[in-house]
Amino acid sequence: MIESKIKSEQADLFMKAVLKLNTVEEAYCFFEDICTIPELRSIAQRLEVAALLRSKVTYQEIARRTGASSATISRVNRALLYGAEGYNHVLDELAKDGIDIK
């Protein structure tokens, strides 16, 4: 188990709340209430960037496809290489459900 950098009672409550979401519609409702539209778009973009990086797509092609900056692509790449394995876990679980982002 990795030691989280954001662990707190507030963060625990938020994570538990996310785990209570059962459908995509519930997730949309919750995240639209809790995040701004740019925040949601940024998070979604980072997930797509992570999937493309795992597929060995070049930075230039990722930037073209997603509109992500090189700084964002680099940040996501660092998380894939040295992070808490969150991206990899989620992308692996999506793949098990037949959801492949490319």
C-alpha atoms as a PDB file:
ATOM      1  CA  MET A   1       0.000   0.000   0.000  1.00  0.00           C
ATOM      2  CA  ILE A   2       1.358   3.372  -0.983  1.00  0.00           C
ATOM      3  CA  GLU A   3       1.458   6.241   1.490  1.00  0.00           C
ATOM      4  CA  SER A   4      -0.899   8.893   0.128  1.00  0.00           C
ATOM      5  CA  LYS A   5       0.269  12.494   0.016  1.00  0.00           C
ATOM      6  CA  ILE A   6      -3.294  13.774   0.454  1.00  0.00           C
ATOM      7  CA  LYS A   7      -4.540  11.451   3.198  1.00  0.00           C
ATOM      8  CA  SER A   8      -6.785  13.210   5.683  1.00  0.00           C
ATOM      9  CA  GLU A   9     -10.228  12.799   7.197  1.00  0.00           C
ATOM     10  CA  GLN A  10     -11.646  15.089   4.493  1.00  0.00           C
ATOM     11  CA  ALA A  11      -9.945  13.125   1.729  1.00  0.00           C
ATOM     12  CA  ASP A  12     -11.159   9.834   3.263  1.00  0.00           C
ATOM     13  CA  LEU A  13     -14.741  11.145   3.223  1.00  0.00           C
ATOM     14  CA  PHE A  14     -14.385  12.208  -0.406  1.00  0.00           C
ATOM     15  CA  MET A  15     -12.958   8.822  -1.457  1.00  0.00           C
ATOM     16  CA  LYS A  16     -15.753   6.997   0.376  1.00  0.00           C
ATOM     17  CA  ALA A  17     -18.299   9.233  -1.359  1.00  0.00           C
ATOM     18  CA  VAL A  18     -16.822   8.396  -4.774  1.00  0.00           C
ATOM     19  CA  LEU A  19     -17.047   4.680  -3.972  1.00  0.00           C
ATOM     20  CA  LYS A  20     -20.789   5.112  -3.309  1.00  0.00           C
ATOM     21  CA  LEU A  21     -21.440   6.122  -6.933  1.00  0.00           C
ATOM     22  CA  ASN A  22     -23.100   3.244  -8.779  1.00  0.00           C
ATOM     23  CA  THR A  23     -23.767   4.561 -12.270  1.00  0.00           C
ATOM     24  CA  VAL A  24     -22.237   6.911 -14.802  1.00  0.00           C
ATOM     25  CA  GLU A  25     -25.258   9.178 -14.324  1.00  0.00           C
ATOM     26  CA  GLU A  26     -24.673   9.326 -10.548  1.00  0.00           C
ATOM     27  CA  ALA A  27     -21.019  10.128 -11.202  1.00  0.00           C
ATOM     28  CA  TYR A  28     -21.939  12.948 -13.587  1.00  0.00           C
ATOM     29  CA  CYS A  29     -24.336  14.425 -11.019  1.00  0.00           C
ATOM     30  CA  PHE A  30     -21.824  14.256  -8.174  1.00  0.00           C
ATOM     31  CA  PHE A  31     -18.824  15.547 -10.095  1.00  0.00           C
ATOM     32  CA  GLU A  32     -20.777  18.338 -11.797  1.00  0.00           C
ATOM     33  CA  ASP A  33     -21.788  19.499  -8.315  1.00  0.00           C
ATOM     34  CA  ILE A  34     -18.342  19.178  -6.762  1.00  0.00           C
ATOM     35  CA  CYS A  35     -16.054  20.257  -9.626  1.00  0.00           C
ATOM     36  CA  THR A  36     -16.034  23.062 -12.135  1.00  0.00           C
ATOM     37  CA  ILE A  37     -16.490  22.143 -15.792  1.00  0.00           C
ATOM     38  CA  PRO A  38     -12.821  22.981 -16.574  1.00  0.00           C
ATOM     39  CA  GLU A  39     -11.700  20.752 -13.675  1.00  0.00           C
ATOM     40  CA  LEU A  40     -13.766  17.846 -14.984  1.00  0.00           C
ATOM     41  CA  ARG A  41     -12.481  18.343 -18.517  1.00  0.00           C
ATOM     42  CA  SER A  42      -8.915  18.452 -17.234  1.00  0.00           C
ATOM     43  CA  ILE A  43      -9.334  15.226 -15.251  1.00  0.00           C
ATOM     44  CA  ALA A  44     -10.934  13.480 -18.245  1.00  0.00           C
ATOM     45  CA  GLN A  45      -8.148  14.734 -20.491  1.00  0.00           C
ATOM     46  CA  ARG A  46      -5.478  13.381 -18.130  1.00  0.00           C
ATOM     47  CA  LEU A  47      -7.076   9.937 -18.155  1.00  0.00           C
ATOM     48  CA  GLU A  48      -7.061   9.913 -21.959  1.00  0.00           C
ATOM     49  CA  VAL A  49      -3.434  11.086 -21.957  1.00  0.00           C
ATOM     50  CA  ALA A  50      -2.508   8.241 -19.591  1.00  0.00           C
ATOM     51  CA  ALA A  51      -4.173   5.686 -21.860  1.00  0.00           C
ATOM     52  CA  LEU A  52      -2.379   7.051 -24.911  1.00  0.00           C
ATOM     53  CA  LEU A  53       0.980   7.087 -23.109  1.00  0.00           C
ATOM     54  CA  ARG A  54       0.472   3.444 -22.139  1.00  0.00           C
ATOM     55  CA  SER A  55      -0.182   2.721 -25.818  1.00  0.00           C
ATOM     56  CA  LYS A  56       3.193   4.316 -26.638  1.00  0.00           C
ATOM     57  CA  VAL A  57       1.678   7.230 -28.565  1.00  0.00           C
ATOM     58  CA  THR A  58       4.138  10.116 -28.954  1.00  0.00           C
ATOM     59  CA  TYR A  59       3.809  13.350 -26.985  1.00  0.00           C
ATOM     60  CA  GLN A  60       3.216  15.250 -30.223  1.00  0.00           C
ATOM     61  CA  GLU A  61       0.380  12.941 -31.290  1.00  0.00           C
ATOM     62  CA  ILE A  62      -1.149  13.006 -27.788  1.00  0.00           C
ATOM     63  CA  ALA A  63      -1.098  16.808 -27.827  1.00  0.00           C
ATOM     64  CA  ARG A  64      -2.741  16.816 -31.252  1.00  0.00           C
ATOM     65  CA  ARG A  65      -5.465  14.323 -30.273  1.00  0.00           C
ATOM     66  CA  THR A  66      -6.275  15.652 -26.810  1.00  0.00           C
ATOM     67  CA  GLY A  67      -5.228  19.295 -26.789  1.00  0.00           C
ATOM     68  CA  ALA A  68      -3.111  18.611 -23.690  1.00  0.00           C
ATOM     69  CA  SER A  69      -0.003  20.695 -23.150  1.00  0.00           C
ATOM     70  CA  SER A  70       3.420  19.083 -23.060  1.00  0.00           C
ATOM     71  CA  ALA A  71       3.543  19.923 -19.337  1.00  0.00           C
ATOM     72  CA  THR A  72       0.320  17.992 -18.710  1.00  0.00           C
ATOM     73  CA  ILE A  73       1.526  15.047 -20.779  1.00  0.00           C
ATOM     74  CA  SER A  74       4.821  15.029 -18.887  1.00  0.00           C
ATOM     75  CA  ARG A  75       3.035  15.220 -15.511  1.00  0.00           C
ATOM     76  CA  VAL A  76       0.808  12.273 -16.411  1.00  0.00           C
ATOM     77  CA  ASN A  77       3.827  10.325 -17.668  1.00  0.00           C
ATOM     78  CA  ARG A  78       5.622  10.902 -14.345  1.00  0.00           C
ATOM     79  CA  ALA A  79       2.545   9.636 -12.504  1.00  0.00           C
ATOM     80  CA  LEU A  80       2.473   6.518 -14.692  1.00  0.00           C
ATOM     81  CA  LEU A  81       6.158   5.861 -14.078  1.00  0.00           C
ATOM     82  CA  TYR A  82       6.587   6.902 -10.447  1.00  0.00           C
ATOM     83  CA  GLY A  83       3.134   7.521  -9.017  1.00  0.00           C
ATOM     84  CA  ALA A  84       0.694   5.574  -6.888  1.00  0.00           C
ATOM     85  CA  GLU A  85      -0.434   3.266  -9.747  1.00  0.00           C
ATOM     86  CA  GLY A  86      -3.869   4.892  -9.801  1.00  0.00           C
ATOM     87  CA  TYR A  87      -3.948   5.475 -13.552  1.00  0.00           C
ATOM     88  CA  ASN A  88      -2.744   1.951 -14.289  1.00  0.00           C
ATOM     89  CA  HIS A  89      -5.286   0.382 -11.957  1.00  0.00           C
ATOM     90  CA  VAL A  90      -8.215   2.299 -13.427  1.00  0.00           C
ATOM     91  CA  LEU A  91      -7.127   1.715 -17.026  1.00  0.00           C
ATOM     92  CA  ASP A  92      -6.647  -2.005 -16.338  1.00  0.00           C
ATOM     93  CA  GLU A  93     -10.124  -2.208 -14.788  1.00  0.00           C
ATOM     94  CA  LEU A  94     -11.682  -0.367 -17.721  1.00  0.00           C
ATOM     95  CA  ALA A  95      -9.947  -2.758 -20.127  1.00  0.00           C
ATOM     96  CA  LYS A  96     -11.397  -5.734 -18.208  1.00  0.00           C
ATOM     97  CA  ASP A  97     -14.837  -4.228 -18.904  1.00  0.00           C
ATOM     98  CA  GLY A  98     -13.986  -3.922 -22.597  1.00  0.00           C
ATOM     99  CA  ILE A  99     -13.454  -0.154 -22.395  1.00  0.00           C
ATOM    100  CA  ASP A 100     -10.237   0.686 -24.178  1.00  0.00           C
ATOM    101  CA  ILE A 101      -9.177   4.306 -24.610  1.00  0.00           C
ATOM    102  CA  LYS A 102      -7.000   4.857 -27.666  1.00  0.00           C
END
